[in-house]
Protein backbone atom coordinates (compact mmCIF):
# COMPACT_ATOMS: atom_id res chain seq x y z
CA MET A 1 -71.06 -41.37 -11.86
CA GLU A 2 -67.69 -40.97 -12.89
CA LYS A 3 -66.48 -37.25 -13.46
CA ARG A 4 -65.83 -36.19 -17.11
CA ILE A 5 -62.38 -34.92 -17.09
CA VAL A 6 -60.41 -33.48 -19.89
CA LEU A 7 -57.11 -31.35 -19.98
CA GLY A 8 -57.55 -27.68 -20.86
CA VAL A 9 -54.50 -26.04 -21.93
CA ASP A 10 -54.06 -22.30 -22.79
CA ILE A 11 -51.00 -21.17 -24.85
CA GLY A 12 -50.19 -17.61 -25.07
CA GLY A 13 -47.10 -16.01 -26.38
CA THR A 14 -45.26 -16.06 -23.23
CA HIS A 15 -46.84 -18.87 -21.19
CA ILE A 16 -48.37 -22.29 -21.08
CA THR A 17 -51.16 -23.17 -18.58
CA ALA A 18 -52.94 -26.51 -18.08
CA ALA A 19 -55.23 -28.08 -15.81
CA GLN A 20 -57.71 -30.79 -15.44
CA VAL A 21 -61.45 -29.69 -15.94
CA ASP A 22 -64.20 -31.54 -14.79
CA LEU A 23 -66.84 -30.97 -17.75
CA GLU A 24 -69.88 -31.23 -15.59
CA ASP A 25 -69.59 -28.14 -13.55
CA GLY A 26 -66.26 -26.59 -15.43
CA SER A 27 -64.29 -26.68 -12.16
CA LEU A 28 -60.50 -26.66 -12.33
CA ILE A 29 -58.94 -30.07 -10.59
CA GLN A 30 -56.84 -27.37 -8.20
CA GLN A 31 -53.38 -29.58 -7.63
CA SER A 32 -53.26 -30.38 -11.30
CA VAL A 33 -52.92 -26.50 -12.43
CA LYS A 34 -49.33 -26.23 -13.84
CA ARG A 35 -47.92 -23.02 -15.64
CA SER A 36 -44.28 -22.54 -17.14
CA ALA A 37 -43.19 -19.42 -19.11
CA ILE A 38 -42.27 -20.48 -22.68
CA ASP A 39 -39.82 -18.60 -25.28
CA SER A 40 -42.21 -18.35 -28.28
CA LYS A 41 -38.52 -17.43 -30.20
CA ALA A 42 -37.22 -20.70 -29.29
CA SER A 43 -36.86 -24.02 -31.94
CA SER A 44 -39.49 -26.20 -32.19
CA GLU A 45 -37.80 -28.78 -30.17
CA GLU A 46 -37.61 -26.81 -27.48
CA ILE A 47 -40.97 -25.21 -27.43
CA TYR A 48 -42.43 -28.72 -27.70
CA ASN A 49 -40.50 -30.25 -24.80
CA VAL A 50 -42.08 -27.35 -22.48
CA TRP A 51 -45.31 -27.83 -23.63
CA CYS A 52 -45.32 -31.53 -23.27
CA GLN A 53 -43.42 -31.47 -19.71
CA VAL A 54 -46.29 -29.38 -18.82
CA ILE A 55 -49.24 -31.29 -20.06
CA LYS A 56 -47.75 -34.37 -18.38
CA ASP A 57 -47.30 -32.77 -15.06
CA ALA A 58 -50.85 -31.57 -15.25
CA PHE A 59 -51.96 -35.01 -16.00
CA GLY A 60 -50.09 -36.39 -13.17
CA ASN A 61 -50.77 -40.22 -13.28
CA ASN A 62 -53.66 -39.95 -15.28
CA LEU A 63 -52.06 -39.69 -18.70
CA ASN A 64 -53.26 -42.72 -21.11
CA GLU A 65 -54.73 -43.43 -24.45
CA ASN A 66 -57.84 -42.36 -23.67
CA SER A 67 -57.21 -39.14 -22.30
CA LYS A 68 -58.36 -35.83 -24.17
CA ILE A 69 -56.63 -32.52 -24.35
CA GLY A 70 -58.11 -29.17 -25.65
CA ILE A 71 -55.93 -26.11 -26.64
CA ALA A 72 -56.65 -22.87 -26.84
CA MET A 73 -54.18 -21.62 -29.54
CA PRO A 74 -53.71 -17.98 -30.71
CA GLY A 75 -54.07 -17.70 -34.68
CA PRO A 76 -53.49 -17.92 -37.22
CA PHE A 77 -53.82 -21.65 -37.11
CA ASP A 78 -55.13 -24.37 -39.15
CA TYR A 79 -57.31 -25.48 -35.45
CA GLU A 80 -59.09 -28.94 -37.43
CA ASN A 81 -55.70 -30.27 -38.61
CA GLY A 82 -53.45 -28.66 -35.69
CA ILE A 83 -51.09 -26.92 -37.84
CA SER A 84 -49.46 -23.56 -37.02
CA LEU A 85 -49.72 -20.68 -39.59
CA ILE A 86 -48.35 -18.03 -36.97
CA LYS A 87 -45.73 -15.93 -39.04
CA ASP A 88 -44.49 -12.16 -38.80
CA GLN A 89 -45.81 -12.14 -35.33
CA ASP A 90 -42.54 -12.41 -33.14
CA LYS A 91 -43.65 -15.49 -31.82
CA TYR A 92 -43.61 -19.19 -32.54
CA LYS A 93 -42.06 -18.58 -36.20
CA SER A 94 -40.28 -22.22 -35.62
CA LEU A 95 -43.55 -23.89 -35.27
CA TYR A 96 -44.88 -22.55 -39.08
CA GLN A 97 -46.65 -25.09 -41.14
CA LEU A 98 -45.67 -27.75 -38.68
CA ASN A 99 -48.28 -30.12 -37.71
CA ILE A 100 -48.29 -29.68 -34.18
CA LYS A 101 -50.80 -32.16 -33.05
CA GLN A 102 -49.69 -35.12 -34.70
CA GLU A 103 -46.36 -33.98 -32.99
CA LEU A 104 -47.45 -34.06 -29.79
CA ALA A 105 -50.04 -37.03 -30.02
CA GLN A 106 -46.28 -38.75 -30.77
CA ARG A 107 -44.55 -37.37 -28.00
CA LEU A 108 -47.73 -37.90 -25.38
CA ASN A 109 -48.45 -41.33 -26.82
CA LEU A 110 -52.02 -40.38 -27.95
CA PRO A 111 -54.27 -40.67 -30.57
CA ALA A 112 -54.24 -37.51 -32.71
CA ALA A 113 -57.97 -37.90 -32.66
CA ASN A 114 -57.67 -37.16 -28.82
CA ILE A 115 -56.70 -33.80 -29.26
CA LYS A 116 -58.58 -30.60 -30.29
CA PHE A 117 -57.45 -27.15 -30.88
CA VAL A 118 -59.63 -23.87 -30.57
CA ASN A 119 -59.02 -20.40 -31.31
CA ASP A 120 -58.20 -18.78 -27.94
CA ALA A 121 -60.67 -15.99 -27.98
CA ALA A 122 -63.38 -18.62 -28.99
CA ALA A 123 -62.20 -20.58 -26.01
CA PHE A 124 -62.58 -17.73 -23.57
CA MET A 125 -66.26 -17.15 -25.20
CA HIS A 126 -66.77 -21.25 -24.73
CA GLY A 127 -65.98 -21.17 -21.60
CA GLU A 128 -68.29 -18.13 -20.43
CA VAL A 129 -71.08 -19.88 -22.62
CA PHE A 130 -70.79 -23.16 -20.84
CA TYR A 131 -69.99 -21.98 -17.10
CA GLY A 132 -69.89 -18.17 -16.90
CA ALA A 133 -71.22 -15.14 -17.32
CA ALA A 134 -73.35 -15.89 -20.61
CA LYS A 135 -74.77 -19.13 -19.47
CA GLY A 136 -77.92 -19.86 -20.58
CA PHE A 137 -77.51 -17.19 -23.36
CA LYS A 138 -78.32 -18.42 -26.75
CA ASN A 139 -76.28 -15.82 -28.35
CA ALA A 140 -73.43 -13.79 -26.88
CA LEU A 141 -70.30 -11.41 -28.02
CA GLY A 142 -67.16 -11.31 -25.88
CA LEU A 143 -64.62 -8.91 -25.85
CA THR A 144 -61.22 -9.15 -23.86
CA LEU A 145 -59.83 -5.59 -23.46
CA GLY A 146 -56.27 -5.16 -22.63
CA THR A 147 -52.85 -4.66 -24.35
CA GLY A 148 -55.38 -5.95 -27.20
CA LEU A 149 -58.97 -6.28 -28.38
CA GLY A 150 -59.59 -9.90 -28.42
CA SER A 151 -63.31 -10.65 -29.49
CA ALA A 152 -65.83 -13.84 -30.20
CA THR A 153 -69.07 -14.76 -30.67
CA PHE A 154 -71.32 -17.51 -29.66
CA ILE A 155 -74.17 -17.96 -32.28
CA ASN A 156 -76.31 -20.85 -32.58
CA GLY A 157 -74.22 -23.52 -30.54
CA VAL A 158 -70.93 -22.17 -32.39
CA ALA A 159 -68.42 -20.20 -30.90
CA LYS A 160 -65.66 -18.58 -32.74
CA ASP A 161 -63.20 -15.54 -33.30
CA ALA A 162 -64.87 -12.37 -34.02
CA ALA A 163 -61.50 -10.52 -35.44
CA LEU A 164 -62.97 -7.13 -34.71
CA TRP A 165 -59.57 -5.63 -33.42
CA ASN A 166 -58.79 -4.57 -36.95
CA SER A 167 -62.49 -3.23 -37.76
CA LYS A 168 -62.51 0.26 -39.01
CA PHE A 169 -63.33 2.81 -35.92
CA LEU A 170 -63.35 6.44 -36.01
CA GLY A 171 -60.68 6.95 -38.76
CA GLY A 172 -58.54 3.88 -37.75
CA ILE A 173 -59.15 0.72 -36.41
CA ALA A 174 -61.14 -0.43 -33.43
CA GLU A 175 -57.79 -1.55 -31.36
CA ASP A 176 -56.51 1.96 -31.79
CA TYR A 177 -59.33 3.15 -29.41
CA LEU A 178 -60.32 0.27 -27.44
CA SER A 179 -56.77 -0.99 -25.86
CA THR A 180 -54.66 0.13 -23.22
CA ARG A 181 -52.31 2.14 -25.11
CA TRP A 182 -55.26 4.61 -25.96
CA PHE A 183 -55.77 4.97 -22.29
CA VAL A 184 -51.85 5.87 -21.83
CA LYS A 185 -51.90 8.21 -25.17
CA LYS A 186 -55.00 10.00 -24.02
CA TYR A 187 -53.68 10.75 -20.62
CA ALA A 188 -50.21 11.92 -21.83
CA ASP A 189 -51.97 14.30 -24.58
CA LEU A 190 -54.19 15.87 -21.91
CA THR A 191 -51.93 16.21 -18.92
CA GLU A 192 -48.23 15.71 -20.59
CA LYS A 193 -48.06 12.87 -18.11
CA GLU A 194 -46.60 9.23 -18.48
CA ILE A 195 -48.96 6.68 -16.88
CA GLU A 196 -48.18 2.67 -17.50
CA GLY A 197 -51.82 1.49 -17.71
CA VAL A 198 -55.59 1.36 -16.84
CA LYS A 199 -54.83 -0.08 -13.38
CA GLU A 200 -52.84 3.09 -12.44
CA LEU A 201 -55.29 5.48 -14.03
CA ALA A 202 -58.21 3.67 -12.63
CA ALA A 203 -56.60 4.53 -8.61
CA ILE A 204 -56.64 8.32 -9.43
CA ALA A 205 -60.07 8.54 -11.49
CA ASN A 206 -61.89 10.06 -8.03
CA ASN A 207 -59.76 12.73 -7.80
CA ASP A 208 -58.29 13.27 -11.27
CA PRO A 209 -60.81 15.38 -13.70
CA TYR A 210 -58.76 14.10 -16.52
CA ALA A 211 -58.88 10.43 -15.80
CA LYS A 212 -62.67 10.27 -15.00
CA GLN A 213 -63.17 12.05 -18.35
CA ILE A 214 -61.13 9.44 -19.87
CA PHE A 215 -63.27 6.56 -18.54
CA ASN A 216 -66.28 8.55 -19.69
CA GLU A 217 -65.12 8.86 -23.24
CA PHE A 218 -64.04 5.14 -23.29
CA GLY A 219 -67.46 4.18 -22.38
CA ARG A 220 -68.77 6.13 -24.89
CA ALA A 221 -66.57 4.88 -27.66
CA LEU A 222 -66.96 1.05 -26.62
CA GLY A 223 -70.78 1.27 -26.59
CA HIS A 224 -70.81 2.99 -30.24
CA PHE A 225 -68.54 0.18 -31.36
CA LEU A 226 -70.71 -2.45 -30.16
CA VAL A 227 -73.80 -1.05 -31.42
CA ASP A 228 -73.56 -2.30 -34.94
CA PHE A 229 -72.08 -6.47 -34.07
CA ILE A 230 -74.93 -6.38 -31.06
CA LYS A 231 -77.39 -5.78 -34.12
CA ASN A 232 -75.86 -7.99 -36.41
CA THR A 233 -75.38 -10.94 -34.11
CA GLY A 234 -78.25 -10.84 -32.03
CA SER A 235 -76.26 -10.70 -28.88
CA GLU A 236 -78.12 -11.01 -25.71
CA VAL A 237 -75.39 -10.66 -23.72
CA VAL A 238 -72.13 -9.06 -23.86
CA VAL A 239 -68.94 -10.36 -21.70
CA LEU A 240 -65.94 -8.15 -21.14
CA GLY A 241 -62.71 -9.85 -19.61
CA GLY A 242 -59.18 -8.46 -19.95
CA ASN A 243 -57.39 -6.35 -17.69
CA ILE A 244 -59.40 -2.77 -18.57
CA SER A 245 -62.66 -4.33 -17.79
CA GLN A 246 -61.30 -4.36 -14.11
CA ALA A 247 -62.11 -0.48 -14.37
CA PHE A 248 -65.70 -1.52 -15.43
CA ASP A 249 -67.58 1.11 -13.12
CA LEU A 250 -65.60 3.74 -14.11
CA PHE A 251 -66.76 3.39 -17.96
CA ALA A 252 -69.95 1.68 -17.26
CA PRO A 253 -72.21 4.48 -17.25
CA THR A 254 -71.42 6.13 -20.46
CA LEU A 255 -71.37 2.70 -21.92
CA GLN A 256 -74.73 1.83 -21.27
CA GLU A 257 -76.21 5.23 -21.79
CA ASN A 258 -74.64 4.83 -25.52
CA LEU A 259 -76.56 1.60 -26.14
CA LYS A 260 -79.93 2.79 -24.56
CA ALA A 261 -79.62 5.95 -27.04
CA PHE A 262 -79.74 3.06 -29.42
CA HIS A 263 -82.76 1.16 -28.16
CA LEU A 264 -80.34 -1.60 -26.91
CA ASN A 265 -81.25 -3.23 -23.56
CA THR A 266 -78.00 -6.03 -24.08
CA GLU A 267 -76.73 -7.03 -20.94
CA ILE A 268 -73.45 -6.31 -20.09
CA ARG A 269 -71.44 -8.66 -18.12
CA LEU A 270 -68.02 -9.12 -16.62
CA ASN A 271 -66.62 -12.73 -17.29
CA LYS A 272 -66.63 -14.78 -14.46
CA LEU A 273 -63.72 -17.22 -14.87
CA ASN A 274 -61.23 -14.66 -14.91
CA GLU A 275 -57.96 -15.68 -16.58
CA HIS A 276 -58.92 -19.35 -16.49
CA ALA A 277 -61.77 -18.72 -18.83
CA PRO A 278 -59.58 -19.88 -22.11
CA LEU A 279 -58.48 -22.93 -20.50
CA ILE A 280 -61.81 -24.37 -19.32
CA GLY A 281 -63.39 -23.16 -22.39
CA ALA A 282 -60.53 -25.20 -24.37
CA ALA A 283 -61.58 -28.35 -22.35
CA SER A 284 -65.30 -27.38 -22.93
CA CYS A 285 -64.69 -27.89 -26.68
CA TRP A 286 -65.48 -31.81 -25.92
CA LYS A 287 -68.90 -30.91 -24.03
CA SER A 288 -71.75 -31.17 -26.47
CA VAL A 289 -73.08 -27.27 -27.37
CA GLU A 290 -76.75 -29.04 -27.07
CA THR A 291 -76.19 -28.64 -23.15
CA VAL A 292 -76.26 -24.79 -24.06
CA ILE A 293 -79.27 -24.80 -27.29
CA ASN A 294 -81.37 -26.35 -24.89
CA ALA A 295 -80.90 -24.43 -21.56
């Protein structure tokens, strides 16, 4: 049987990664993985040139008129029509209101219909549902915990950005408390010492009571935050990704205790696809959701 190969592309504020993905099992064709830094403040011409070069390199000699591409792109963005709506974010200003789908199609000599865009958070969720930690579940919630708070849901076969970062929470918004900057600020408030991030704090947690206290507090806050969203979405599993999730063992006990206090037995899992989840998820936008719904 011929493999179903789609090119997955993950575009961030500072990079682009592309690779051929086998849709049968979500595996990467390792020799096809290409990555490049990108100056998101550059002109549209410069950005297009870098993107297209990486895409061509990832395709190798396999780029033809039947090739299909799935692209994970940060919002705001008109994903159906491929038009950038990003402005006032200090990135990709030169692409504002441009039809990126048409431009890429022309430069790559592809039909525009062969290029699909998906929200980057939704792509993360897609990848984990089809091939990762949420495989086999009908309803799932995904969070990426890092410098910001990314979120996505998968409900009845549809993955989409949940945009929970600015939800009202503890007198502010969720991202104020569920991101790296909270850890940095909290440790400084308690100790008058500066740390660079969560990795540094995790390294001293066994010997530093303040660090341990902070992870316990974070777990309780995350559990409290998740309760309503789990109930509202009927999520059977929550998948955690991002740099903070690498310290899961340090905040998992208080997180799970808080969920159980609200009589929730929802599974909490770490993402399996790591940094490749958006890329694999972008490619899987060409895969039928029936395989998940009927699993």
